[in-house]
Protein backbone atom coordinates (compact mmCIF):
# COMPACT_ATOMS: atom_id res chain seq x y z
CA MET A 1 -101.31 30.50 25.36
CA SER A 2 -99.94 27.07 24.90
CA HIS A 3 -96.21 26.62 24.53
CA GLN A 4 -95.18 25.54 21.06
CA ALA A 5 -93.42 22.21 21.10
CA GLN A 6 -89.69 22.58 20.54
CA PRO A 7 -88.14 20.28 17.92
CA HIS A 8 -86.39 17.32 19.50
CA GLU A 9 -82.67 17.69 19.43
CA ALA A 10 -80.83 14.56 18.71
CA SER A 11 -78.25 13.88 21.35
CA GLU A 12 -74.66 13.53 20.37
CA PRO A 13 -73.61 9.93 20.10
CA GLU A 14 -71.41 8.80 22.83
CA THR A 15 -67.71 8.72 22.06
CA PRO A 16 -66.50 5.13 21.92
CA HIS A 17 -63.71 4.03 24.21
CA LEU A 18 -60.54 4.90 22.37
CA ASP A 19 -57.76 4.60 24.93
CA PHE A 20 -56.34 1.11 25.58
CA ALA A 21 -53.27 0.13 27.44
CA GLY A 22 -52.11 -2.30 24.72
CA THR A 23 -53.64 -3.39 21.52
CA THR A 24 -57.40 -3.05 21.02
CA PRO A 25 -59.78 -5.80 22.21
CA TYR A 26 -60.78 -6.18 18.48
CA GLU A 27 -57.16 -6.84 17.52
CA ASP A 28 -56.74 -9.24 20.45
CA TYR A 29 -59.71 -11.29 19.24
CA VAL A 30 -59.47 -11.09 15.42
CA LYS A 31 -55.64 -10.81 15.00
CA ALA A 32 -56.23 -8.51 12.05
CA ASP A 33 -52.70 -7.20 12.16
CA VAL A 34 -51.41 -10.81 11.68
CA LEU A 35 -53.87 -11.45 8.87
CA THR A 36 -53.10 -8.26 6.96
CA HIS A 37 -49.36 -8.75 7.05
CA LEU A 38 -49.32 -12.32 5.77
CA GLN A 39 -49.12 -11.24 2.15
CA HIS A 40 -45.58 -11.50 0.65
CA THR A 41 -45.76 -11.27 -3.13
CA LEU A 42 -42.97 -12.73 -5.22
CA SER A 43 -43.39 -10.74 -8.40
CA ASP A 44 -43.76 -7.12 -9.38
CA ASP A 45 -47.17 -7.68 -10.96
CA PRO A 46 -49.93 -5.88 -9.11
CA GLY A 47 -52.38 -8.70 -9.84
CA GLU A 48 -50.45 -11.18 -7.77
CA MET A 49 -51.81 -9.48 -4.56
CA VAL A 50 -55.34 -10.27 -5.64
CA PHE A 51 -54.44 -13.87 -6.34
CA LEU A 52 -52.60 -14.27 -3.04
CA VAL A 53 -55.30 -12.70 -0.78
CA THR A 54 -58.08 -14.60 -2.54
CA THR A 55 -56.28 -17.81 -1.98
CA GLN A 56 -55.66 -17.04 1.63
CA VAL A 57 -59.41 -16.19 2.05
CA MET A 58 -60.28 -19.58 0.52
CA GLU A 59 -58.12 -21.25 3.18
CA LEU A 60 -60.04 -19.47 5.93
CA TRP A 61 -63.35 -20.66 4.47
CA PHE A 62 -62.01 -24.19 4.17
CA THR A 63 -61.17 -23.97 7.90
CA VAL A 64 -64.64 -22.89 9.01
CA ILE A 65 -66.37 -25.43 6.67
CA VAL A 66 -64.28 -28.22 8.11
CA HIS A 67 -65.35 -27.06 11.57
CA GLU A 68 -69.06 -27.18 10.56
CA TRP A 69 -68.81 -30.63 8.96
CA GLU A 70 -66.90 -32.00 11.93
CA THR A 71 -69.55 -30.55 14.19
CA ALA A 72 -72.26 -32.21 12.07
CA ALA A 73 -70.42 -35.62 12.16
CA HIS A 74 -70.03 -35.49 15.95
CA ALA A 75 -73.75 -34.65 16.30
CA LEU A 76 -74.77 -37.53 14.10
CA ARG A 77 -72.72 -39.96 16.20
CA SER A 78 -74.94 -38.77 19.14
CA ASP A 79 -78.12 -39.07 17.12
CA ASP A 80 -78.52 -35.29 17.34
CA VAL A 81 -79.94 -34.59 13.87
CA PRO A 82 -81.11 -31.01 14.48
CA THR A 83 -77.59 -29.91 15.57
CA ALA A 84 -76.11 -31.69 12.51
CA VAL A 85 -78.66 -30.01 10.15
CA ALA A 86 -77.98 -26.63 11.67
CA ALA A 87 -74.18 -27.02 11.07
CA LEU A 88 -74.82 -28.18 7.51
CA LYS A 89 -77.10 -25.19 6.78
CA ARG A 90 -74.46 -22.84 8.07
CA SER A 91 -71.87 -24.49 5.90
CA VAL A 92 -74.13 -23.89 2.90
CA ARG A 93 -73.87 -20.15 3.48
CA GLU A 94 -70.17 -20.44 3.96
CA LEU A 95 -69.79 -22.48 0.75
CA GLU A 96 -71.60 -19.76 -1.09
CA ALA A 97 -69.08 -17.26 0.18
CA LEU A 98 -66.22 -19.60 -0.63
CA ASN A 99 -67.53 -20.09 -4.26
CA ALA A 100 -67.81 -16.28 -4.58
CA SER A 101 -64.00 -16.17 -4.06
CA TRP A 102 -63.59 -17.29 -7.70
CA LYS A 103 -65.08 -13.89 -8.82
CA PRO A 104 -61.88 -11.91 -8.54
CA LEU A 105 -59.91 -14.72 -10.36
CA GLY A 106 -62.57 -15.78 -12.88
CA GLN A 107 -61.70 -12.98 -15.34
CA LEU A 108 -57.95 -13.55 -15.52
CA THR A 109 -56.57 -13.61 -19.06
CA PRO A 110 -53.66 -15.91 -19.92
CA ALA A 111 -51.31 -12.91 -20.02
CA GLN A 112 -52.37 -11.69 -16.62
CA PHE A 113 -51.93 -15.09 -14.99
CA ASN A 114 -48.66 -15.76 -16.76
CA SER A 115 -47.30 -12.50 -15.41
CA TYR A 116 -46.90 -14.08 -11.90
CA ARG A 117 -47.49 -17.79 -12.45
CA SER A 118 -43.83 -18.49 -12.20
CA ALA A 119 -43.88 -17.10 -8.62
CA LEU A 120 -45.97 -20.16 -7.65
CA GLY A 121 -43.15 -22.54 -8.53
CA GLU A 122 -44.28 -26.05 -7.64
CA GLY A 123 -47.14 -24.62 -5.49
CA SER A 124 -50.65 -25.94 -6.29
CA GLY A 125 -54.06 -25.80 -4.73
CA PHE A 126 -54.26 -29.58 -4.43
CA GLN A 127 -51.50 -29.25 -1.82
CA SER A 128 -53.88 -27.44 0.56
CA ALA A 129 -54.09 -29.49 3.69
CA MET A 130 -57.37 -27.90 4.87
CA TYR A 131 -59.03 -28.47 1.51
CA ARG A 132 -57.79 -32.08 1.71
CA ARG A 133 -59.58 -32.39 5.05
CA MET A 134 -62.74 -31.15 3.43
CA GLU A 135 -62.50 -33.79 0.72
CA PHE A 136 -61.89 -36.51 3.37
CA LEU A 137 -64.98 -35.42 5.23
CA LEU A 138 -66.96 -35.77 1.98
CA GLY A 139 -65.66 -39.35 1.59
CA GLU A 140 -63.03 -38.56 -1.00
CA LYS A 141 -60.25 -40.51 0.79
CA SER A 142 -56.78 -41.24 -0.65
CA ALA A 143 -53.72 -42.07 1.49
CA SER A 144 -51.50 -40.75 -1.25
CA MET A 145 -52.70 -37.24 -0.53
CA LEU A 146 -50.78 -37.28 2.79
CA VAL A 147 -47.40 -37.63 0.97
CA PRO A 148 -47.03 -33.90 0.11
CA HIS A 149 -47.35 -33.07 3.88
CA ARG A 150 -44.64 -35.41 5.29
CA GLY A 151 -42.42 -32.40 5.95
CA ALA A 152 -45.02 -30.78 8.21
CA PRO A 153 -45.51 -33.20 11.22
CA ARG A 154 -48.58 -31.45 12.75
CA VAL A 155 -50.38 -31.11 9.45
CA HIS A 156 -49.51 -34.64 8.49
CA ALA A 157 -50.85 -35.99 11.80
CA GLU A 158 -54.13 -34.07 11.40
CA LEU A 159 -54.60 -35.45 7.86
CA GLU A 160 -53.65 -39.00 8.98
CA LYS A 161 -56.30 -38.79 11.74
CA ALA A 162 -58.90 -37.40 9.28
CA LEU A 163 -58.16 -40.24 6.88
CA ALA A 164 -58.72 -42.89 9.49
CA GLU A 165 -61.98 -41.40 10.82
CA PRO A 166 -65.41 -42.00 9.29
CA SER A 167 -66.37 -39.28 6.83
CA LEU A 168 -69.48 -37.14 7.31
CA TYR A 169 -71.42 -39.43 4.95
CA ASP A 170 -70.22 -42.53 6.88
CA GLU A 171 -71.81 -41.05 9.96
CA VAL A 172 -75.02 -40.30 8.04
CA LEU A 173 -75.24 -43.96 6.86
CA ARG A 174 -74.57 -45.30 10.36
CA LEU A 175 -77.40 -43.05 11.68
CA MET A 176 -79.71 -44.29 8.98
CA ALA A 177 -78.96 -47.88 10.01
CA ARG A 178 -79.71 -47.11 13.63
CA ARG A 179 -83.04 -45.54 12.48
CA GLY A 180 -84.02 -48.80 10.72
CA CYS A 181 -82.86 -48.20 7.17
CA ALA A 182 -81.50 -51.27 5.26
CA ILE A 183 -77.85 -50.19 5.10
CA PRO A 184 -75.75 -53.29 4.29
CA GLY A 185 -73.14 -54.45 6.79
CA SER A 186 -70.46 -54.25 4.05
CA VAL A 187 -71.13 -50.53 3.85
CA LEU A 188 -71.17 -50.01 7.60
CA ARG A 189 -68.03 -52.03 8.10
CA ARG A 190 -66.09 -50.67 5.11
CA ASP A 191 -62.57 -49.41 5.35
CA VAL A 192 -63.23 -45.68 5.98
CA SER A 193 -59.74 -44.74 4.95
CA ARG A 194 -60.69 -45.52 1.35
CA ARG A 195 -62.83 -43.59 -1.07
CA TYR A 196 -66.56 -44.12 -0.77
CA GLU A 197 -68.15 -46.12 -3.54
CA PRO A 198 -71.89 -45.97 -4.34
CA SER A 199 -74.22 -48.70 -3.21
CA GLU A 200 -77.47 -49.77 -4.72
CA ALA A 201 -78.76 -50.64 -1.24
CA VAL A 202 -77.96 -47.16 0.04
CA GLU A 203 -79.79 -45.72 -3.07
CA ALA A 204 -82.83 -47.83 -2.12
CA ALA A 205 -82.70 -46.54 1.43
CA TRP A 206 -82.71 -42.90 0.24
CA THR A 207 -85.46 -43.72 -2.27
CA ALA A 208 -87.65 -44.99 0.61
CA ILE A 209 -86.89 -41.90 2.66
CA TYR A 210 -87.82 -39.58 -0.17
CA ALA A 211 -90.92 -41.46 -1.01
CA GLY A 212 -92.20 -40.93 2.51
CA ASP A 213 -92.81 -37.83 4.60
CA GLU A 214 -90.70 -34.98 3.26
CA ASN A 215 -90.78 -33.31 6.65
CA ALA A 216 -89.34 -36.33 8.40
CA GLU A 217 -85.99 -35.89 10.08
CA LEU A 218 -84.00 -38.01 7.71
CA ALA A 219 -85.54 -36.37 4.67
CA ARG A 220 -84.56 -32.94 6.07
CA LEU A 221 -81.07 -34.27 6.66
CA GLY A 222 -80.93 -35.55 3.08
CA GLU A 223 -81.88 -32.14 1.71
CA ALA A 224 -79.26 -30.37 3.80
CA LEU A 225 -76.65 -32.82 2.47
CA THR A 226 -77.86 -32.27 -1.10
CA ASP A 227 -77.42 -28.47 -0.64
CA VAL A 228 -73.88 -29.09 0.43
CA ALA A 229 -73.24 -31.47 -2.46
CA GLU A 230 -74.64 -29.03 -5.02
CA LEU A 231 -72.36 -26.22 -3.83
CA VAL A 232 -69.29 -28.49 -3.72
CA TRP A 233 -70.11 -29.44 -7.35
CA ARG A 234 -70.41 -25.70 -8.24
CA TRP A 235 -67.06 -25.00 -6.44
CA ARG A 236 -65.33 -27.64 -8.63
CA ASN A 237 -66.96 -26.36 -11.82
CA ASP A 238 -66.07 -22.71 -11.05
CA HIS A 239 -62.48 -23.82 -10.38
CA LEU A 240 -62.45 -25.60 -13.73
CA VAL A 241 -63.84 -22.58 -15.58
CA ALA A 242 -61.39 -20.14 -13.95
CA THR A 243 -58.48 -22.42 -14.73
CA ARG A 244 -59.52 -23.01 -18.28
CA ARG A 245 -59.89 -19.27 -18.88
CA ALA A 246 -56.48 -18.40 -17.34
CA MET A 247 -54.36 -21.19 -18.72
CA GLY A 248 -56.28 -23.32 -21.20
CA SER A 249 -55.21 -27.01 -21.31
CA LYS A 250 -51.62 -26.46 -20.16
CA PRO A 251 -50.30 -28.62 -17.32
CA GLY A 252 -51.11 -27.25 -13.86
CA THR A 253 -48.61 -26.12 -11.29
CA GLY A 254 -47.18 -28.75 -8.99
CA GLY A 255 -47.18 -31.37 -11.71
CA SER A 256 -50.94 -31.75 -11.88
CA ALA A 257 -52.79 -32.31 -15.16
CA GLY A 258 -54.51 -28.95 -14.88
CA VAL A 259 -57.84 -28.68 -16.63
CA ALA A 260 -57.93 -32.45 -17.37
CA TRP A 261 -57.71 -33.28 -13.72
CA LEU A 262 -60.35 -30.70 -12.74
CA GLU A 263 -62.72 -31.97 -15.47
CA LYS A 264 -62.49 -35.43 -13.99
CA ARG A 265 -63.24 -34.04 -10.48
CA ALA A 266 -66.18 -31.94 -11.71
CA GLN A 267 -67.88 -35.09 -13.05
CA LYS A 268 -68.10 -36.66 -9.61
CA ASN A 269 -71.18 -36.21 -7.35
CA VAL A 270 -70.74 -35.86 -3.59
CA PHE A 271 -73.09 -38.18 -1.62
CA PRO A 272 -73.96 -39.96 -4.87
CA GLU A 273 -77.05 -41.97 -3.87
CA LEU A 274 -78.76 -38.76 -2.83
CA TRP A 275 -78.76 -37.85 -6.53
CA THR A 276 -79.48 -41.17 -8.15
CA ALA A 277 -82.30 -42.05 -5.70
CA ARG A 278 -84.41 -39.18 -7.07
CA SER A 279 -84.88 -41.10 -10.33
CA HIS A 280 -86.82 -43.74 -8.41
CA VAL A 281 -89.17 -41.62 -6.33
């Protein structure tokens, strides 16, 4: 008589290591206890916690996106396009997560926002140093944006350095010139501490790239940059819509023009010639 097969008994999962001499290795690496105790609300409104945490999450996403774009810029200086494209593609996923941060805030009614708006005082998002570094990397340079940070020497020095360095797009254009594209000397030698202005010659260079092999390295770089530019545009528009819904056309905190200022920002394209060149292909 054959022995009937016994059903396989699943073994108990091993108990994870639970006993540590100090804090857990997870805590040592992530610093979760620090992160989850950074929230100090200034009003009694329960909605302020959501606003504060969401803003802090945005700052963390700004930080990693700056890291990716600086990685891409450094790679472009070394003619390493694959590394630059990989960093840009990662930043696209991070921008998608950043933009999703507007979801908890996008449904705020004026009454809800007003219940803790006074707690912000003169605080405003345009004062974010890490967001300013993002804008500088995109070519949106302005020395006046360093002024709010004069009281924080380390932050001011980091912004001053970012202002004086070529933007991500400057590095792209220098790479294109090294690859034989007709980028004018006036563009290559421009004062990189000033806002980038569109160039018809740069537009023509992108037109030539897009009229050629779409799998060529520069064409793939252009599409990665366009993905970034599109999501930056969406970020600005989502910011505009959330603000318009919460406070209408009232002046913003920190003395900004509020919705009027955001509307102006939303009209601008990042990496402008990548958009206009498409009309000529």
